Amino acid sequence: MMAGMLSTPRPVPGRRVPALVGAGLVLAALPVFVVAHFPLAGWALAAVLWGMGEALGVYLSRLPIGADHLRMSGVVALAHSFRGIGVMIALLAVTVANKHVGIAAVAVYALAYTLSLAVSLLEYFSGEKLGS
């Protein structure tokens, strides 16, 4: 049953809803940070990284990809990879410089990313199967 579910092609889910859900989590974390006296610099770093990553994702989604645009497809794939690597490097550098700020930023960003991924997967697997 699982193999059939994973091998059935479906349309690529949209990016808007997962991005908005992740942004909503980042915004919802602000009052938690204020009340719990967590470092606001960590929340701000996560918010900036989330916003910049999503803005880059929107830009990349507008570029032509596919068999007719192989060169641009490679550029888009590399840019998506470096987007994640860049976030990890920034979070690692801040964590080395200031452990409390870095851990707070990692927690917020990781939760937003995980929730966004979960929503994206739900959209994908609840979508209509191609060729049905």
N, C-alpha and C. Protein backbone atom coordinates (compact mmCIF):
# COMPACT_ATOMS: atom_id res chain seq x y z
N MET A 1 0.83 -1.19 0.00
CA MET A 1 0.00 0.00 0.00
C MET A 1 0.87 1.26 0.00
N MET A 2 1.91 1.29 0.79
CA MET A 2 2.79 2.47 0.87
C MET A 2 3.51 2.69 -0.45
N ALA A 3 3.98 1.62 -1.09
CA ALA A 3 4.70 1.77 -2.36
C ALA A 3 3.79 2.37 -3.42
N GLY A 4 2.54 1.95 -3.45
CA GLY A 4 1.59 2.50 -4.42
C GLY A 4 1.32 3.97 -4.17
N MET A 5 1.26 4.35 -2.91
CA MET A 5 0.99 5.75 -2.57
C MET A 5 2.16 6.64 -3.00
N LEU A 6 3.37 6.16 -2.82
CA LEU A 6 4.54 6.96 -3.15
C LEU A 6 4.84 6.98 -4.64
N SER A 7 4.37 5.99 -5.39
CA SER A 7 4.68 5.94 -6.81
C SER A 7 3.61 6.60 -7.67
N THR A 8 2.52 7.03 -7.09
CA THR A 8 1.45 7.67 -7.85
C THR A 8 1.77 9.15 -8.03
N PRO A 9 1.93 9.59 -9.28
CA PRO A 9 2.27 11.01 -9.50
C PRO A 9 1.09 11.92 -9.17
N ARG A 10 1.43 13.07 -8.61
CA ARG A 10 0.44 14.10 -8.27
C ARG A 10 1.01 15.45 -8.69
N PRO A 11 0.15 16.45 -8.84
CA PRO A 11 0.69 17.78 -9.17
C PRO A 11 1.49 18.35 -8.00
N VAL A 12 2.48 19.16 -8.33
CA VAL A 12 3.30 19.80 -7.30
C VAL A 12 2.42 20.75 -6.49
N PRO A 13 2.47 20.65 -5.16
CA PRO A 13 1.63 21.55 -4.35
C PRO A 13 2.13 22.99 -4.44
N GLY A 14 1.23 23.90 -4.18
CA GLY A 14 1.59 25.31 -4.18
C GLY A 14 2.49 25.64 -3.00
N ARG A 15 3.18 26.77 -3.08
CA ARG A 15 4.08 27.19 -2.00
C ARG A 15 3.44 28.21 -1.07
N ARG A 16 2.33 28.78 -1.48
CA ARG A 16 1.76 29.88 -0.70
C ARG A 16 1.30 29.45 0.69
N VAL A 17 0.48 28.42 0.76
CA VAL A 17 -0.07 28.00 2.06
C VAL A 17 1.03 27.52 3.01
N PRO A 18 1.95 26.64 2.58
CA PRO A 18 3.02 26.24 3.51
C PRO A 18 3.87 27.42 3.98
N ALA A 19 4.17 28.35 3.09
CA ALA A 19 4.97 29.52 3.48
C ALA A 19 4.22 30.39 4.48
N LEU A 20 2.93 30.57 4.27
CA LEU A 20 2.13 31.38 5.19
C LEU A 20 1.99 30.70 6.56
N VAL A 21 1.86 29.38 6.56
CA VAL A 21 1.77 28.65 7.83
C VAL A 21 3.08 28.78 8.60
N GLY A 22 4.20 28.64 7.90
CA GLY A 22 5.51 28.81 8.55
C GLY A 22 5.68 30.22 9.08
N ALA A 23 5.29 31.22 8.28
CA ALA A 23 5.38 32.62 8.73
C ALA A 23 4.47 32.86 9.92
N GLY A 24 3.30 32.23 9.92
CA GLY A 24 2.39 32.35 11.06
C GLY A 24 3.00 31.80 12.34
N LEU A 25 3.72 30.69 12.21
CA LEU A 25 4.37 30.14 13.38
C LEU A 25 5.47 31.08 13.88
N VAL A 26 6.23 31.67 12.96
CA VAL A 26 7.27 32.61 13.36
C VAL A 26 6.64 33.79 14.10
N LEU A 27 5.55 34.31 13.57
CA LEU A 27 4.87 35.43 14.24
C LEU A 27 4.29 35.02 15.58
N ALA A 28 3.73 33.82 15.65
CA ALA A 28 3.15 33.35 16.92
C ALA A 28 4.22 33.12 17.98
N ALA A 29 5.45 32.91 17.56
CA ALA A 29 6.54 32.69 18.52
C ALA A 29 6.95 33.98 19.22
N LEU A 30 6.67 35.13 18.61
CA LEU A 30 7.09 36.40 19.21
C LEU A 30 6.52 36.61 20.62
N PRO A 31 5.19 36.48 20.82
CA PRO A 31 4.69 36.66 22.18
C PRO A 31 5.26 35.64 23.17
N VAL A 32 5.53 34.43 22.70
CA VAL A 32 6.13 33.42 23.56
C VAL A 32 7.52 33.89 24.00
N PHE A 33 8.28 34.44 23.06
CA PHE A 33 9.61 34.94 23.38
C PHE A 33 9.55 36.10 24.37
N VAL A 34 8.58 36.98 24.18
CA VAL A 34 8.46 38.14 25.07
C VAL A 34 8.09 37.69 26.48
N VAL A 35 7.08 36.84 26.59
CA VAL A 35 6.59 36.40 27.90
C VAL A 35 7.65 35.55 28.62
N ALA A 36 8.32 34.67 27.88
CA ALA A 36 9.29 33.76 28.50
C ALA A 36 10.68 34.39 28.64
N HIS A 37 10.84 35.62 28.20
CA HIS A 37 12.13 36.32 28.28
C HIS A 37 13.25 35.59 27.53
N PHE A 38 12.87 34.98 26.40
CA PHE A 38 13.88 34.39 25.52
C PHE A 38 14.55 35.52 24.74
N PRO A 39 15.72 35.30 24.19
CA PRO A 39 16.41 36.37 23.47
C PRO A 39 15.66 36.77 22.19
N LEU A 40 15.22 38.02 22.14
CA LEU A 40 14.48 38.51 20.97
C LEU A 40 15.36 38.54 19.72
N ALA A 41 16.67 38.64 19.91
CA ALA A 41 17.58 38.60 18.76
C ALA A 41 17.49 37.25 18.05
N GLY A 42 17.26 36.19 18.79
CA GLY A 42 17.10 34.86 18.19
C GLY A 42 15.84 34.79 17.37
N TRP A 43 14.75 35.33 17.92
CA TRP A 43 13.49 35.35 17.16
C TRP A 43 13.65 36.21 15.91
N ALA A 44 14.28 37.36 16.04
CA ALA A 44 14.46 38.26 14.89
C ALA A 44 15.31 37.60 13.81
N LEU A 45 16.37 36.91 14.21
CA LEU A 45 17.21 36.23 13.23
C LEU A 45 16.41 35.17 12.49
N ALA A 46 15.63 34.38 13.22
CA ALA A 46 14.81 33.35 12.57
C ALA A 46 13.80 33.99 11.62
N ALA A 47 13.19 35.09 12.04
CA ALA A 47 12.20 35.77 11.20
C ALA A 47 12.84 36.30 9.92
N VAL A 48 14.01 36.90 10.05
CA VAL A 48 14.70 37.44 8.87
C VAL A 48 15.11 36.30 7.93
N LEU A 49 15.68 35.24 8.48
CA LEU A 49 16.08 34.11 7.65
C LEU A 49 14.88 33.46 6.97
N TRP A 50 13.77 33.35 7.69
CA TRP A 50 12.56 32.78 7.10
C TRP A 50 12.07 33.66 5.95
N GLY A 51 11.99 34.95 6.20
CA GLY A 51 11.52 35.87 5.16
C GLY A 51 12.41 35.88 3.94
N MET A 52 13.72 35.93 4.15
CA MET A 52 14.66 35.94 3.03
C MET A 52 14.59 34.62 2.25
N GLY A 53 14.50 33.52 2.96
CA GLY A 53 14.40 32.22 2.30
C GLY A 53 13.15 32.09 1.46
N GLU A 54 12.04 32.55 2.00
CA GLU A 54 10.78 32.48 1.25
C GLU A 54 10.78 33.43 0.06
N ALA A 55 11.38 34.61 0.24
CA ALA A 55 11.48 35.55 -0.88
C ALA A 55 12.32 34.95 -2.01
N LEU A 56 13.43 34.30 -1.65
CA LEU A 56 14.24 33.64 -2.66
C LEU A 56 13.46 32.51 -3.33
N GLY A 57 12.68 31.77 -2.54
CA GLY A 57 11.86 30.70 -3.10
C GLY A 57 10.83 31.23 -4.10
N VAL A 58 10.22 32.37 -3.79
CA VAL A 58 9.25 32.97 -4.72
C VAL A 58 9.96 33.38 -6.00
N TYR A 59 11.12 34.00 -5.88
CA TYR A 59 11.88 34.40 -7.06
C TYR A 59 12.24 33.18 -7.91
N LEU A 60 12.74 32.14 -7.27
CA LEU A 60 13.15 30.94 -8.01
C LEU A 60 11.97 30.24 -8.67
N SER A 61 10.80 30.32 -8.06
CA SER A 61 9.63 29.67 -8.64
C SER A 61 9.17 30.34 -9.93
N ARG A 62 9.61 31.56 -10.17
CA ARG A 62 9.23 32.28 -11.38
C ARG A 62 10.16 32.01 -12.56
N LEU A 63 11.27 31.35 -12.29
CA LEU A 63 12.23 31.07 -13.36
C LEU A 63 11.77 29.84 -14.15
N PRO A 64 12.04 29.84 -15.46
CA PRO A 64 11.61 28.69 -16.28
C PRO A 64 12.49 27.47 -16.01
N ILE A 65 11.84 26.33 -15.83
CA ILE A 65 12.56 25.08 -15.62
C ILE A 65 11.93 24.01 -16.49
N GLY A 66 12.56 22.88 -16.57
CA GLY A 66 12.03 21.76 -17.35
C GLY A 66 13.00 21.36 -18.45
N ALA A 67 12.56 20.42 -19.29
CA ALA A 67 13.41 19.88 -20.34
C ALA A 67 13.86 20.94 -21.34
N ASP A 68 13.04 21.94 -21.55
CA ASP A 68 13.40 23.00 -22.49
C ASP A 68 14.35 24.03 -21.89
N HIS A 69 14.55 23.99 -20.59
CA HIS A 69 15.38 24.98 -19.90
C HIS A 69 16.33 24.26 -18.93
N LEU A 70 17.13 23.36 -19.45
CA LEU A 70 17.99 22.54 -18.59
C LEU A 70 19.00 23.38 -17.80
N ARG A 71 19.59 24.37 -18.43
CA ARG A 71 20.58 25.19 -17.74
C ARG A 71 19.92 25.91 -16.56
N MET A 72 18.78 26.52 -16.80
CA MET A 72 18.09 27.25 -15.73
C MET A 72 17.59 26.29 -14.66
N SER A 73 17.20 25.08 -15.04
CA SER A 73 16.78 24.09 -14.05
C SER A 73 17.91 23.77 -13.09
N GLY A 74 19.13 23.66 -13.61
CA GLY A 74 20.29 23.41 -12.77
C GLY A 74 20.57 24.57 -11.83
N VAL A 75 20.44 25.79 -12.35
CA VAL A 75 20.65 26.98 -11.53
C VAL A 75 19.64 27.02 -10.39
N VAL A 76 18.38 26.74 -10.70
CA VAL A 76 17.32 26.75 -9.69
C VAL A 76 17.59 25.68 -8.63
N ALA A 77 17.98 24.50 -9.07
CA ALA A 77 18.26 23.41 -8.11
C ALA A 77 19.41 23.79 -7.18
N LEU A 78 20.49 24.34 -7.75
CA LEU A 78 21.62 24.76 -6.92
C LEU A 78 21.23 25.88 -5.97
N ALA A 79 20.45 26.82 -6.45
CA ALA A 79 20.02 27.94 -5.60
C ALA A 79 19.18 27.44 -4.43
N HIS A 80 18.29 26.47 -4.68
CA HIS A 80 17.50 25.91 -3.58
C HIS A 80 18.40 25.20 -2.57
N SER A 81 19.41 24.50 -3.05
CA SER A 81 20.35 23.83 -2.15
C SER A 81 21.13 24.84 -1.31
N PHE A 82 21.66 25.87 -1.98
CA PHE A 82 22.44 26.87 -1.27
C PHE A 82 21.58 27.70 -0.33
N ARG A 83 20.29 27.80 -0.60
CA ARG A 83 19.37 28.49 0.32
C ARG A 83 19.39 27.80 1.68
N GLY A 84 19.24 26.49 1.67
CA GLY A 84 19.29 25.75 2.93
C GLY A 84 20.65 25.77 3.58
N ILE A 85 21.69 25.64 2.78
CA ILE A 85 23.05 25.68 3.31
C ILE A 85 23.35 27.04 3.92
N GLY A 86 22.91 28.11 3.26
CA GLY A 86 23.13 29.47 3.77
C GLY A 86 22.47 29.68 5.12
N VAL A 87 21.24 29.18 5.26
CA VAL A 87 20.53 29.30 6.54
C VAL A 87 21.30 28.53 7.62
N MET A 88 21.75 27.33 7.29
CA MET A 88 22.48 26.54 8.28
C MET A 88 23.78 27.23 8.70
N ILE A 89 24.50 27.80 7.74
CA ILE A 89 25.75 28.48 8.06
C ILE A 89 25.49 29.69 8.96
N ALA A 90 24.46 30.47 8.63
CA ALA A 90 24.13 31.65 9.44
C ALA A 90 23.76 31.23 10.87
N LEU A 91 22.92 30.21 10.99
CA LEU A 91 22.51 29.76 12.32
C LEU A 91 23.69 29.18 13.10
N LEU A 92 24.56 28.45 12.43
CA LEU A 92 25.74 27.90 13.10
C LEU A 92 26.67 29.01 13.58
N ALA A 93 26.90 30.00 12.73
CA ALA A 93 27.79 31.10 13.10
C ALA A 93 27.26 31.87 14.30
N VAL A 94 25.96 32.13 14.30
CA VAL A 94 25.37 32.85 15.43
C VAL A 94 25.41 31.99 16.69
N THR A 95 25.16 30.71 16.56
CA THR A 95 25.18 29.83 17.73
C THR A 95 26.57 29.75 18.33
N VAL A 96 27.60 29.74 17.50
CA VAL A 96 28.98 29.73 18.01
C VAL A 96 29.28 31.04 18.74
N ALA A 97 28.80 32.17 18.18
CA ALA A 97 29.06 33.48 18.79
C ALA A 97 28.24 33.71 20.05
N ASN A 98 26.98 33.28 20.05
CA ASN A 98 26.09 33.50 21.19
C ASN A 98 25.13 32.31 21.26
N LYS A 99 25.44 31.40 22.16
CA LYS A 99 24.70 30.14 22.24
C LYS A 99 23.20 30.35 22.45
N HIS A 100 22.79 31.24 23.33
CA HIS A 100 21.38 31.41 23.64
C HIS A 100 20.60 31.99 22.46
N VAL A 101 21.18 32.96 21.79
CA VAL A 101 20.52 33.56 20.61
C VAL A 101 20.44 32.53 19.49
N GLY A 102 21.53 31.81 19.26
CA GLY A 102 21.56 30.81 18.19
C GLY A 102 20.57 29.69 18.40
N ILE A 103 20.49 29.17 19.61
CA ILE A 103 19.56 28.08 19.90
C ILE A 103 18.12 28.56 19.76
N ALA A 104 17.84 29.77 20.19
CA ALA A 104 16.49 30.32 20.03
C ALA A 104 16.13 30.45 18.56
N ALA A 105 17.07 30.94 17.75
CA ALA A 105 16.81 31.09 16.32
C ALA A 105 16.63 29.74 15.65
N VAL A 106 17.47 28.78 16.01
CA VAL A 106 17.36 27.44 15.43
C VAL A 106 16.00 26.83 15.78
N ALA A 107 15.56 26.99 17.01
CA ALA A 107 14.28 26.41 17.42
C ALA A 107 13.12 27.00 16.62
N VAL A 108 13.08 28.31 16.48
CA VAL A 108 11.98 28.95 15.74
C VAL A 108 12.04 28.56 14.27
N TYR A 109 13.21 28.64 13.66
CA TYR A 109 13.33 28.33 12.23
C TYR A 109 13.01 26.86 11.98
N ALA A 110 13.52 25.96 12.81
CA ALA A 110 13.27 24.53 12.62
C ALA A 110 11.78 24.20 12.76
N LEU A 111 11.11 24.82 13.72
CA LEU A 111 9.67 24.57 13.87
C LEU A 111 8.89 25.10 12.67
N ALA A 112 9.24 26.29 12.20
CA ALA A 112 8.55 26.86 11.04
C ALA A 112 8.79 26.01 9.80
N TYR A 113 10.02 25.56 9.60
CA TYR A 113 10.35 24.73 8.45
C TYR A 113 9.61 23.40 8.51
N THR A 114 9.60 22.79 9.69
CA THR A 114 8.93 21.50 9.86
C THR A 114 7.43 21.61 9.60
N LEU A 115 6.81 22.65 10.14
CA LEU A 115 5.38 22.85 9.92
C LEU A 115 5.09 23.12 8.45
N SER A 116 5.91 23.93 7.81
CA SER A 116 5.74 24.22 6.39
C SER A 116 5.87 22.94 5.55
N LEU A 117 6.85 22.11 5.87
CA LEU A 117 7.03 20.85 5.16
C LEU A 117 5.84 19.92 5.37
N ALA A 118 5.34 19.85 6.60
CA ALA A 118 4.19 18.99 6.89
C ALA A 118 2.96 19.43 6.09
N VAL A 119 2.72 20.73 6.04
CA VAL A 119 1.57 21.24 5.28
C VAL A 119 1.76 20.94 3.79
N SER A 120 2.96 21.10 3.30
CA SER A 120 3.24 20.82 1.89
C SER A 120 3.00 19.34 1.58
N LEU A 121 3.44 18.46 2.46
CA LEU A 121 3.22 17.03 2.26
C LEU A 121 1.73 16.68 2.32
N LEU A 122 1.01 17.30 3.25
CA LEU A 122 -0.44 17.08 3.32
C LEU A 122 -1.12 17.53 2.03
N GLU A 123 -0.73 18.68 1.51
CA GLU A 123 -1.29 19.15 0.25
C GLU A 123 -0.98 18.19 -0.88
N TYR A 124 0.25 17.68 -0.91
CA TYR A 124 0.65 16.78 -1.98
C TYR A 124 -0.14 15.48 -1.93
N PHE A 125 -0.17 14.83 -0.77
CA PHE A 125 -0.81 13.52 -0.67
C PHE A 125 -2.33 13.59 -0.66
N SER A 126 -2.89 14.77 -0.38
CA SER A 126 -4.35 14.89 -0.46
C SER A 126 -4.79 15.39 -1.83
N GLY A 127 -3.82 15.70 -2.69
CA GLY A 127 -4.13 16.20 -4.04
C GLY A 127 -4.60 15.08 -4.95
N GLU A 128 -5.18 15.48 -6.05
CA GLU A 128 -5.68 14.53 -7.03
C GLU A 128 -4.52 13.86 -7.75
N LYS A 129 -4.66 12.57 -8.01
CA LYS A 129 -3.62 11.83 -8.70
C LYS A 129 -3.64 12.19 -10.19
N LEU A 130 -2.44 12.31 -10.76
CA LEU A 130 -2.34 12.60 -12.19
C LEU A 130 -2.70 11.35 -12.97
N GLY A 131 -3.39 11.55 -14.07
CA GLY A 131 -3.76 10.43 -14.92
C GLY A 131 -4.96 9.65 -14.43
N SER A 132 -5.65 10.16 -13.41
CA SER A 132 -6.83 9.46 -12.88
C SER A 132 -8.09 9.99 -13.50
